[in-house]
């Protein structure tokens, strides 16, 4: 589908259009007259989608023969605003659905105005030594897995307000922005949904997402983990002697700072109702907070000490000498590795997704170089760095998750994509980096998200749908193109 798309146009599958029609947005779609060739699917019918479909300033699309209007092609500012609204809506609806399940399985809804547990701990400046190797998850009974209770409009409104505030706390960077945060959340949500449909009930204790509160906490952690990202690495902050280095003991600086900003926001008085829904007891709050701590720290896979700790824990839990008494310990390390798989999500998806996010990362690295925050240009050793990441982090991670069988067919699918993307990158990556940096130099200015915005609007398959056109409440399998 990518090769049959057009710059600035949104191409969608039949499944996406069906979803739009189901929510009264069918008029956004215009059928392409020609069938397109999609990898692994053969010829298929696709549609052009415009959230501002209207009849004015008509012209003809040379590819499809269909009538296009000026309003079908929104300007960059309108598109950015619509896209951000789509990202906020998806995160809001997903968190609402997960929290409704938490409340439903708890069996009651707390009365409006009830405060969070009085013994809720305040957030420490450093959470570096608060990672737990064994979280006491509380699996839901299968018969209660679909129970949901209405939380009320006030809580839903607070979730949307919270997500909106978090989105505004993200930096305007090419890579570490709210788009990327949502892409990671989507990757995690998709993995969990597919795994829940395929995992064997006899090993459910190994699957942390059988605890609804833990599943909600994982998505919450992803939502806040990129807050205030500086656009450079933790290593660079240490070299700059940033004031936060001492506060956070020189490790996972960006992630700890993001945790504190996000939790401080959640603890504000205006989110009392939301907190009371998240946790009805101190024990529930402590479990929620511990999952968030572990997951936020896991979003920095390059911390050497944590990496070694997790490798040792994985071997003891999933190696040849494991014990059935380690269920919570197994579930904890599995949770952290699934979070890291979501962080590396673009490595484990189609080539056009990997290429898009890799390009944005190179842009961000080169922008840091242009303002003197790194010593080397992105074309100096970034190709070798990415091959190193494939071989020492992403490929071993995908292999481990696949071997557990807990992700069902998704584990094999991700592993296959990692291998395909590595082959493609080894062949073309060096030239790709060099050409991109050359393009920046010619333009004599950093390339921002606005420059690459139009290039990211083509949906590859049913796993991706452009977020700006999604306003409906998501199902457990709902997806976005980001």
Protein backbone atom coordinates (compact mmCIF):
# COMPACT_ATOMS: atom_id res chain seq x y z
CA UNK A 1 0.00 0.00 0.00
CA UNK A 2 2.86 2.39 0.75
CA UNK A 3 4.10 2.30 -2.84
CA UNK A 4 0.59 3.10 -4.08
CA UNK A 5 0.02 6.03 -1.76
CA UNK A 6 0.31 9.73 -2.44
CA UNK A 7 2.09 12.43 -0.47
CA UNK A 8 -0.31 14.24 1.83
CA UNK A 9 -3.07 11.66 1.36
CA UNK A 10 -4.50 9.20 3.87
CA UNK A 11 -5.03 5.71 2.48
CA UNK A 12 -7.14 3.25 4.47
CA UNK A 13 -8.32 -0.35 4.20
CA UNK A 14 -11.89 -1.62 4.00
CA UNK A 15 -11.79 -2.55 7.70
CA UNK A 16 -10.92 1.01 8.62
CA UNK A 17 -13.69 2.45 6.48
CA UNK A 18 -16.16 0.00 8.02
CA UNK A 19 -15.17 1.32 11.44
CA UNK A 20 -15.64 4.91 10.27
CA UNK A 21 -19.07 4.11 8.86
CA UNK A 22 -20.08 2.42 12.09
CA UNK A 23 -19.48 5.72 13.87
CA UNK A 24 -21.11 8.00 11.33
CA UNK A 25 -17.92 9.07 9.55
CA UNK A 26 -18.37 7.14 6.34
CA UNK A 27 -18.48 10.38 4.35
CA UNK A 28 -14.80 10.85 5.13
CA UNK A 29 -13.87 8.01 2.75
CA UNK A 30 -13.64 8.09 -1.06
CA UNK A 31 -13.24 4.76 -2.85
CA UNK A 32 -10.22 4.30 -5.10
CA UNK A 33 -11.26 3.01 -8.50
CA UNK A 34 -8.11 0.92 -8.91
CA UNK A 35 -7.13 -1.98 -6.69
CA UNK A 36 -3.74 -1.80 -4.96
CA UNK A 37 -1.21 -4.53 -4.32
CA UNK A 38 -0.61 -5.09 -0.58
CA UNK A 39 2.26 -7.20 0.69
CA UNK A 40 1.06 -10.61 1.78
CA UNK A 41 -2.56 -9.84 0.85
CA UNK A 42 -2.62 -9.46 -2.89
CA UNK A 43 -4.93 -6.98 -4.61
CA UNK A 44 -7.29 -5.14 -2.30
CA UNK A 45 -9.69 -2.23 -2.33
CA UNK A 46 -8.55 0.88 -0.47
CA UNK A 47 -9.95 4.34 0.14
CA UNK A 48 -8.77 7.91 0.40
CA UNK A 49 -9.78 9.34 3.77
CA UNK A 50 -10.22 13.00 4.65
CA UNK A 51 -11.61 14.20 7.99
CA UNK A 52 -12.63 17.46 6.30
CA UNK A 53 -14.48 16.06 3.31
CA UNK A 54 -16.44 18.82 1.57
CA UNK A 55 -17.36 19.80 -1.95
CA UNK A 56 -15.40 22.84 -3.09
CA UNK A 57 -12.47 23.68 -5.37
CA UNK A 58 -12.76 20.39 -7.25
CA UNK A 59 -9.86 18.75 -9.04
CA UNK A 60 -9.23 15.23 -10.29
CA UNK A 61 -6.87 12.72 -8.70
CA UNK A 62 -4.75 11.31 -11.51
CA UNK A 63 -4.25 8.01 -9.71
CA UNK A 64 -7.83 7.13 -8.86
CA UNK A 65 -9.90 9.30 -11.17
CA UNK A 66 -11.95 10.35 -8.13
CA UNK A 67 -12.87 13.95 -7.38
CA UNK A 68 -10.69 15.63 -4.80
CA UNK A 69 -11.45 18.96 -3.13
CA UNK A 70 -9.25 21.61 -1.61
CA UNK A 71 -10.76 20.90 1.76
CA UNK A 72 -9.84 17.25 1.37
CA UNK A 73 -6.24 18.38 1.76
CA UNK A 74 -6.13 20.17 5.13
CA UNK A 75 -3.23 22.53 5.76
CA UNK A 76 -0.41 21.54 8.08
CA UNK A 77 -1.74 23.45 11.11
CA UNK A 78 -5.21 21.90 10.81
CA UNK A 79 -3.72 18.46 10.27
CA UNK A 80 -1.46 18.77 13.32
CA UNK A 81 -4.37 19.85 15.49
CA UNK A 82 -6.60 17.04 14.20
CA UNK A 83 -3.83 14.51 14.64
CA UNK A 84 -3.16 15.57 18.23
CA UNK A 85 -6.86 15.33 19.01
CA UNK A 86 -6.83 11.82 17.59
CA UNK A 87 -3.85 10.81 19.73
CA UNK A 88 -5.43 12.25 22.87
CA UNK A 89 -8.74 10.54 22.12
CA UNK A 90 -7.14 7.14 21.56
CA UNK A 91 -5.14 7.29 24.80
CA UNK A 92 -8.17 8.56 26.71
CA UNK A 93 -10.51 5.88 25.40
CA UNK A 94 -7.97 3.11 25.95
CA UNK A 95 -7.31 4.13 29.55
CA UNK A 96 -11.06 4.49 30.18
CA UNK A 97 -11.71 0.97 28.88
CA UNK A 98 -8.93 -0.52 31.01
CA UNK A 99 -9.95 1.37 34.14
CA UNK A 100 -13.59 0.34 33.66
CA UNK A 101 -12.41 -3.26 33.71
CA UNK A 102 -10.46 -2.61 36.93
CA UNK A 103 -13.55 -1.13 38.57
CA UNK A 104 -15.82 -3.87 37.22
CA UNK A 105 -13.66 -6.66 38.56
CA UNK A 106 -13.35 -4.90 41.89
CA UNK A 107 -17.13 -5.21 42.06
CA UNK A 108 -18.07 -1.70 43.02
CA UNK A 109 -17.69 1.94 42.14
CA UNK A 110 -16.42 4.27 44.82
CA UNK A 111 -18.82 7.05 45.71
CA UNK A 112 -18.13 10.41 44.16
CA UNK A 113 -15.95 12.54 46.38
CA UNK A 114 -14.24 9.67 48.20
CA UNK A 115 -10.54 10.43 48.48
CA UNK A 116 -7.63 8.18 47.65
CA UNK A 117 -6.14 6.15 50.52
CA UNK A 118 -4.77 8.49 53.16
CA UNK A 119 -1.48 6.61 53.33
CA UNK A 120 -0.62 7.09 49.66
CA UNK A 121 3.13 7.71 49.63
CA UNK A 122 4.51 10.89 48.13
CA UNK A 123 6.75 10.46 45.12
CA UNK A 124 10.44 10.33 45.94
CA UNK A 125 12.85 12.21 43.75
CA UNK A 126 14.68 9.03 42.81
CA UNK A 127 12.98 5.73 42.08
CA UNK A 128 16.19 4.08 40.90
CA UNK A 129 16.32 1.66 43.82
CA UNK A 130 12.58 1.03 43.94
CA UNK A 131 12.46 -1.52 41.13
CA UNK A 132 10.99 -4.79 42.38
CA UNK A 133 11.90 -8.20 40.98
CA UNK A 134 8.63 -9.67 42.21
CA UNK A 135 5.34 -7.78 42.13
CA UNK A 136 2.36 -9.47 43.75
CA UNK A 137 -0.09 -9.48 40.86
CA UNK A 138 -3.76 -10.29 41.45
CA UNK A 139 -5.06 -12.28 38.46
CA UNK A 140 -8.71 -11.81 37.57
CA UNK A 141 -11.03 -14.78 37.47
CA UNK A 142 -11.87 -15.71 33.85
CA UNK A 143 -15.61 -15.35 34.39
CA UNK A 144 -15.13 -11.76 35.48
CA UNK A 145 -12.88 -10.72 32.63
CA UNK A 146 -15.61 -8.96 30.67
CA UNK A 147 -17.38 -7.22 33.56
CA UNK A 148 -17.42 -3.47 33.25
CA UNK A 149 -19.13 -0.81 35.33
CA UNK A 150 -19.71 2.76 34.31
CA UNK A 151 -17.29 5.04 36.16
CA UNK A 152 -19.34 8.13 35.46
CA UNK A 153 -18.70 11.14 33.27
CA UNK A 154 -16.65 12.96 35.92
CA UNK A 155 -13.92 10.32 35.96
CA UNK A 156 -13.89 10.00 32.18
CA UNK A 157 -13.54 13.76 31.95
CA UNK A 158 -10.62 13.68 34.38
CA UNK A 159 -8.88 10.99 32.32
CA UNK A 160 -9.19 13.11 29.19
CA UNK A 161 -7.95 16.19 31.03
CA UNK A 162 -5.01 14.22 32.43
CA UNK A 163 -4.05 12.83 29.00
CA UNK A 164 -4.33 16.30 27.48
CA UNK A 165 -2.07 17.78 30.14
CA UNK A 166 0.47 14.99 29.68
CA UNK A 167 0.47 15.58 25.92
CA UNK A 168 1.29 19.26 26.51
CA UNK A 169 4.20 18.23 28.76
CA UNK A 170 5.89 16.42 25.85
CA UNK A 171 8.67 18.21 24.01
CA UNK A 172 8.27 19.22 20.37
CA UNK A 173 10.91 16.84 19.05
CA UNK A 174 11.00 14.74 15.86
CA UNK A 175 11.17 11.43 17.77
CA UNK A 176 10.59 11.68 21.53
CA UNK A 177 7.19 13.35 21.24
CA UNK A 178 3.57 12.49 22.00
CA UNK A 179 3.26 10.75 18.62
CA UNK A 180 5.99 8.32 19.67
CA UNK A 181 4.51 7.85 23.13
CA UNK A 182 1.22 6.86 21.54
CA UNK A 183 2.97 4.53 19.10
CA UNK A 184 4.57 2.73 22.04
CA UNK A 185 1.25 2.57 23.91
CA UNK A 186 -0.43 1.20 20.80
CA UNK A 187 2.28 -1.42 20.35
CA UNK A 188 1.92 -2.53 23.97
CA UNK A 189 -1.88 -2.54 23.82
CA UNK A 190 -1.85 -4.62 20.64
CA UNK A 191 0.57 -7.17 22.09
CA UNK A 192 -1.48 -7.56 25.26
CA UNK A 193 -4.79 -7.90 23.42
CA UNK A 194 -3.49 -10.54 21.04
CA UNK A 195 -1.72 -12.40 23.82
CA UNK A 196 -4.82 -12.45 26.02
CA UNK A 197 -6.68 -14.21 23.24
CA UNK A 198 -4.03 -16.86 22.74
CA UNK A 199 -2.32 -17.65 26.05
CA UNK A 200 -3.08 -20.95 27.75
CA UNK A 201 -5.11 -20.68 30.96
CA UNK A 202 -2.68 -23.10 32.65
CA UNK A 203 0.07 -20.48 32.57
CA UNK A 204 -2.00 -17.39 33.23
CA UNK A 205 0.00 -16.70 36.41
CA UNK A 206 2.99 -15.90 34.19
CA UNK A 207 1.01 -13.30 32.31
CA UNK A 208 0.97 -10.03 34.27
CA UNK A 209 -1.89 -8.60 32.21
CA UNK A 210 -4.26 -11.09 33.81
CA UNK A 211 -4.17 -8.47 36.59
CA UNK A 212 -6.37 -5.62 35.21
CA UNK A 213 -4.81 -3.02 37.50
CA UNK A 214 -1.32 -4.00 36.30
CA UNK A 215 -2.42 -3.71 32.66
CA UNK A 216 -3.80 -0.22 33.31
CA UNK A 217 -0.60 0.75 35.16
CA UNK A 218 1.56 -0.40 32.23
CA UNK A 219 -0.29 1.84 29.78
CA UNK A 220 -0.21 4.69 32.31
CA UNK A 221 3.57 4.29 32.63
CA UNK A 222 4.00 4.50 28.87
CA UNK A 223 1.83 7.62 28.76
CA UNK A 224 4.12 9.53 31.15
CA UNK A 225 7.57 8.09 30.37
CA UNK A 226 8.53 10.65 27.68
CA UNK A 227 7.46 13.78 29.59
CA UNK A 228 9.97 16.64 29.23
CA UNK A 229 12.35 14.59 27.10
CA UNK A 230 15.45 16.75 26.40
CA UNK A 231 16.16 15.32 22.95
CA UNK A 232 19.48 13.82 24.02
CA UNK A 233 20.47 10.64 25.85
CA UNK A 234 21.03 10.06 29.56
CA UNK A 235 24.74 9.72 28.78
CA UNK A 236 24.74 13.20 27.26
CA UNK A 237 23.05 14.68 30.33
CA UNK A 238 25.81 13.16 32.47
CA UNK A 239 28.49 14.65 30.20
CA UNK A 240 26.78 18.05 30.46
CA UNK A 241 26.66 17.74 34.25
CA UNK A 242 22.95 18.46 34.18
CA UNK A 243 21.48 19.39 37.56
CA UNK A 244 19.26 16.30 37.51
CA UNK A 245 22.27 13.95 37.33
CA UNK A 246 22.93 14.20 41.07
CA UNK A 247 19.26 13.98 41.98
CA UNK A 248 18.81 10.74 40.03
CA UNK A 249 22.21 9.17 40.76
CA UNK A 250 23.38 9.48 37.16
CA UNK A 251 21.16 6.69 35.80
CA UNK A 252 17.78 6.66 34.04
CA UNK A 253 17.70 10.43 34.53
CA UNK A 254 15.14 11.17 31.83
CA UNK A 255 12.84 8.34 32.92
CA UNK A 256 12.93 9.20 36.63
CA UNK A 257 12.22 12.85 35.93
CA UNK A 258 9.28 11.89 33.71
CA UNK A 259 7.93 9.57 36.43
CA UNK A 260 8.01 12.36 38.99
CA UNK A 261 6.33 14.87 36.68
CA UNK A 262 3.59 12.41 35.76
CA UNK A 263 2.91 11.21 39.30
CA UNK A 264 2.95 14.73 40.70
CA UNK A 265 0.27 15.63 38.18
CA UNK A 266 -1.82 12.59 39.12
CA UNK A 267 -1.51 13.47 42.82
CA UNK A 268 -2.96 16.96 42.33
CA UNK A 269 -6.31 17.59 43.99
CA UNK A 270 -8.23 17.91 40.74
CA UNK A 271 -7.65 14.20 40.02
CA UNK A 272 -9.03 12.91 43.34
CA UNK A 273 -11.87 11.01 41.65
CA UNK A 274 -9.52 9.45 39.13
CA UNK A 275 -7.16 8.24 41.88
CA UNK A 276 -10.06 6.81 43.85
CA UNK A 277 -11.00 4.72 40.82
CA UNK A 278 -7.45 3.53 40.26
CA UNK A 279 -7.08 2.30 43.83
CA UNK A 280 -9.70 1.63 46.49
CA UNK A 281 -7.13 0.57 49.10
CA UNK A 282 -3.55 1.37 50.01
CA UNK A 283 -2.49 -2.09 48.83
CA UNK A 284 -4.03 -1.43 45.41
CA UNK A 285 -2.30 1.94 45.17
CA UNK A 286 1.05 0.45 46.14
CA UNK A 287 0.64 -2.25 43.48
CA UNK A 288 -0.32 0.34 40.87
CA UNK A 289 2.65 2.55 41.75
CA UNK A 290 5.12 -0.36 41.79
CA UNK A 291 4.07 -1.45 38.29
CA UNK A 292 4.48 2.13 37.07
CA UNK A 293 7.96 2.32 38.65
CA UNK A 294 9.10 -0.93 37.03
CA UNK A 295 7.64 -0.07 33.63
CA UNK A 296 9.02 3.48 33.48
CA UNK A 297 12.50 2.23 34.39
CA UNK A 298 12.14 -0.52 31.77
CA UNK A 299 11.68 2.12 29.05
CA UNK A 300 15.44 2.76 29.32
CA UNK A 301 16.77 -0.57 28.01
CA UNK A 302 20.34 0.76 27.69
CA UNK A 303 21.01 1.09 31.42
CA UNK A 304 23.77 -1.50 31.84
CA UNK A 305 23.07 -2.44 35.45
CA UNK A 306 19.36 -2.98 34.93
CA UNK A 307 20.04 -4.81 31.68
CA UNK A 308 22.29 -7.31 33.47
CA UNK A 309 19.83 -7.70 36.34
CA UNK A 310 16.96 -8.43 33.95
CA UNK A 311 19.02 -10.92 31.95
CA UNK A 312 19.89 -12.81 35.13
CA UNK A 313 16.28 -12.72 36.31
CA UNK A 314 15.02 -13.95 32.94
CA UNK A 315 17.43 -16.89 33.00
CA UNK A 316 16.38 -17.84 36.52
CA UNK A 317 12.69 -17.61 35.63
CA UNK A 318 12.57 -18.99 32.09
CA UNK A 319 15.79 -20.99 31.90
CA UNK A 320 16.17 -24.73 32.44
CA UNK A 321 16.18 -24.59 36.26
CA UNK A 322 12.96 -22.73 36.98
CA UNK A 323 10.46 -23.30 39.75
CA UNK A 324 6.67 -23.22 39.52
CA UNK A 325 6.71 -21.18 42.74
CA UNK A 326 8.13 -18.18 40.86
CA UNK A 327 4.92 -17.11 39.16
CA UNK A 328 4.96 -13.46 40.26
CA UNK A 329 8.69 -13.18 39.66
CA UNK A 330 8.25 -14.63 36.16
CA UNK A 331 5.33 -12.31 35.48
CA UNK A 332 7.34 -9.27 36.61
CA UNK A 333 10.31 -9.80 34.30
CA UNK A 334 7.98 -10.79 31.47
CA UNK A 335 6.10 -7.50 31.97
CA UNK A 336 9.32 -5.48 31.79
CA UNK A 337 10.41 -7.25 28.60
CA UNK A 338 7.02 -6.70 26.95
CA UNK A 339 7.33 -2.99 27.79
CA UNK A 340 10.78 -2.94 26.19
CA UNK A 341 9.37 -4.72 23.13
CA UNK A 342 6.83 -1.90 22.85
CA UNK A 343 9.61 0.70 23.16
CA UNK A 344 11.39 -1.12 20.31
CA UNK A 345 8.04 -1.54 18.56
CA UNK A 346 9.10 0.01 15.28
CA UNK A 347 11.91 -2.57 14.97
CA UNK A 348 9.26 -5.29 15.23
CA UNK A 349 6.84 -3.96 12.63
CA UNK A 350 6.76 -3.50 8.87
CA UNK A 351 9.76 -1.91 7.17
CA UNK A 352 7.95 1.33 6.41
CA UNK A 353 7.17 1.76 10.14
CA UNK A 354 10.78 1.06 11.10
CA UNK A 355 12.10 3.43 8.42
CA UNK A 356 9.74 6.23 9.42
CA UNK A 357 10.70 6.21 13.08
CA UNK A 358 14.38 5.64 12.36
CA UNK A 359 14.37 8.73 10.13
CA UNK A 360 12.79 10.79 12.90
CA UNK A 361 15.39 9.54 15.39
CA UNK A 362 18.23 10.52 13.06
CA UNK A 363 16.64 13.96 12.69
CA UNK A 364 16.54 14.36 16.45
CA UNK A 365 20.14 13.23 16.89
CA UNK A 366 21.34 15.59 14.17
CA UNK A 367 19.39 18.51 15.61
CA UNK A 368 21.16 17.93 18.93
CA UNK A 369 24.47 17.98 17.04
CA UNK A 370 23.54 21.23 15.28
CA UNK A 371 23.02 23.01 18.60
CA UNK A 372 26.19 21.56 20.12
CA UNK A 373 24.63 19.01 22.45
CA UNK A 374 26.43 16.02 20.90
CA UNK A 375 30.01 15.74 19.66
CA UNK A 376 29.23 13.64 16.60
CA UNK A 377 26.91 14.06 13.64
CA UNK A 378 24.32 11.34 13.08
CA UNK A 379 26.20 10.15 10.00
CA UNK A 380 29.40 9.50 11.99
CA UNK A 381 28.54 6.14 13.56
CA UNK A 382 24.75 5.95 13.72
CA UNK A 383 24.60 3.12 11.19
CA UNK A 384 26.95 0.97 13.31
CA UNK A 385 25.01 1.95 16.42
CA UNK A 386 21.71 0.72 14.99
CA UNK A 387 23.22 -2.59 13.84
CA UNK A 388 24.56 -2.97 17.39
CA UNK A 389 21.07 -2.32 18.76
CA UNK A 390 19.60 -4.98 16.49
CA UNK A 391 22.16 -7.60 17.48
CA UNK A 392 22.53 -6.91 21.20
CA UNK A 393 19.10 -5.72 22.28
CA UNK A 394 16.21 -6.06 19.86
CA UNK A 395 16.91 -9.49 18.36
CA UNK A 396 17.67 -11.18 21.72
CA UNK A 397 14.57 -9.54 23.21
CA UNK A 398 12.26 -10.70 20.42
CA UNK A 399 13.78 -14.19 20.58
CA UNK A 400 13.19 -14.50 24.33
CA UNK A 401 9.59 -13.34 24.15
CA UNK A 402 8.83 -15.67 21.26
CA UNK A 403 10.32 -18.68 23.07
CA UNK A 404 7.97 -18.23 26.04
CA UNK A 405 4.92 -18.78 23.83
CA UNK A 406 3.03 -16.27 26.01
CA UNK A 407 2.51 -13.87 23.11
CA UNK A 408 1.07 -16.52 20.83
CA UNK A 409 1.66 -15.93 17.13
CA UNK A 410 2.56 -12.30 17.82
CA UNK A 411 5.94 -13.40 19.22
CA UNK A 412 6.91 -15.14 15.98
CA UNK A 413 5.57 -12.25 13.90
CA UNK A 414 7.70 -9.73 15.80
CA UNK A 415 10.80 -11.89 15.55
CA UNK A 416 10.34 -12.25 11.79
CA UNK A 417 9.97 -8.51 11.35
CA UNK A 418 13.13 -7.85 13.39
CA UNK A 419 15.10 -10.20 11.16
CA UNK A 420 13.65 -8.66 7.96
CA UNK A 421 14.32 -5.11 9.15
CA UNK A 422 17.88 -5.96 10.11
CA UNK A 423 18.61 -7.39 6.66
CA UNK A 424 17.09 -4.31 5.03
CA UNK A 425 19.00 -1.93 7.30
CA UNK A 426 22.35 -3.64 6.81
CA UNK A 427 21.87 -3.30 3.06
CA UNK A 428 20.53 0.27 2.92
CA UNK A 429 20.95 1.90 6.31
CA UNK A 430 24.35 3.49 5.80
CA UNK A 431 23.20 5.28 2.65
CA UNK A 432 19.89 6.13 4.30
CA UNK A 433 21.63 7.95 7.15
CA UNK A 434 24.10 9.68 4.85
CA UNK A 435 21.37 10.89 2.46
CA UNK A 436 19.21 12.16 5.29
CA UNK A 437 22.02 14.15 6.90
CA UNK A 438 22.94 15.54 3.48
CA UNK A 439 19.35 16.65 3.02
CA UNK A 440 19.50 18.55 6.32
CA UNK A 441 22.74 20.23 5.33
CA UNK A 442 21.34 21.39 1.99
CA UNK A 443 18.29 22.94 3.58
CA UNK A 444 20.51 24.69 6.16
CA UNK A 445 17.95 24.07 8.89
CA UNK A 446 16.77 21.24 11.10
CA UNK A 447 13.98 19.13 9.66
CA UNK A 448 11.10 18.98 12.11
CA UNK A 449 8.01 16.87 12.55
CA UNK A 450 6.16 19.27 10.26
CA UNK A 451 8.51 18.39 7.39
CA UNK A 452 7.87 14.68 7.75
CA UNK A 453 4.19 14.92 8.71
CA UNK A 454 2.79 14.36 5.23
CA UNK A 455 5.09 11.40 4.67
CA UNK A 456 3.61 9.48 7.60
CA UNK A 457 -0.02 9.40 6.50
CA UNK A 458 -0.06 6.21 4.43
CA UNK A 459 -1.49 3.19 6.23
CA UNK A 460 0.36 -0.04 5.46
CA UNK A 461 -2.26 -2.54 6.55
CA UNK A 462 -5.11 -3.17 8.95
CA UNK A 463 -2.71 -2.81 11.88
CA UNK A 464 -2.41 0.92 11.24
CA UNK A 465 -5.05 3.62 10.86
CA UNK A 466 -4.37 7.34 10.80
CA UNK A 467 -5.15 8.72 14.28
CA UNK A 468 -6.56 12.04 13.10
CA UNK A 469 -9.61 10.32 11.67
CA UNK A 470 -10.42 8.12 14.68
CA UNK A 471 -12.87 9.52 17.18
CA UNK A 472 -14.75 6.37 18.11
CA UNK A 473 -14.26 4.50 21.36
CA UNK A 474 -11.58 1.87 20.67
CA UNK A 475 -12.19 -1.82 20.88
CA UNK A 476 -9.49 -4.04 22.33
CA UNK A 477 -8.04 -4.44 18.84
CA UNK A 478 -8.34 -0.80 17.70
CA UNK A 479 -5.24 0.55 15.98
CA UNK A 480 -3.69 3.77 14.73
CA UNK A 481 -1.18 4.77 12.09
CA UNK A 482 1.48 6.75 13.92
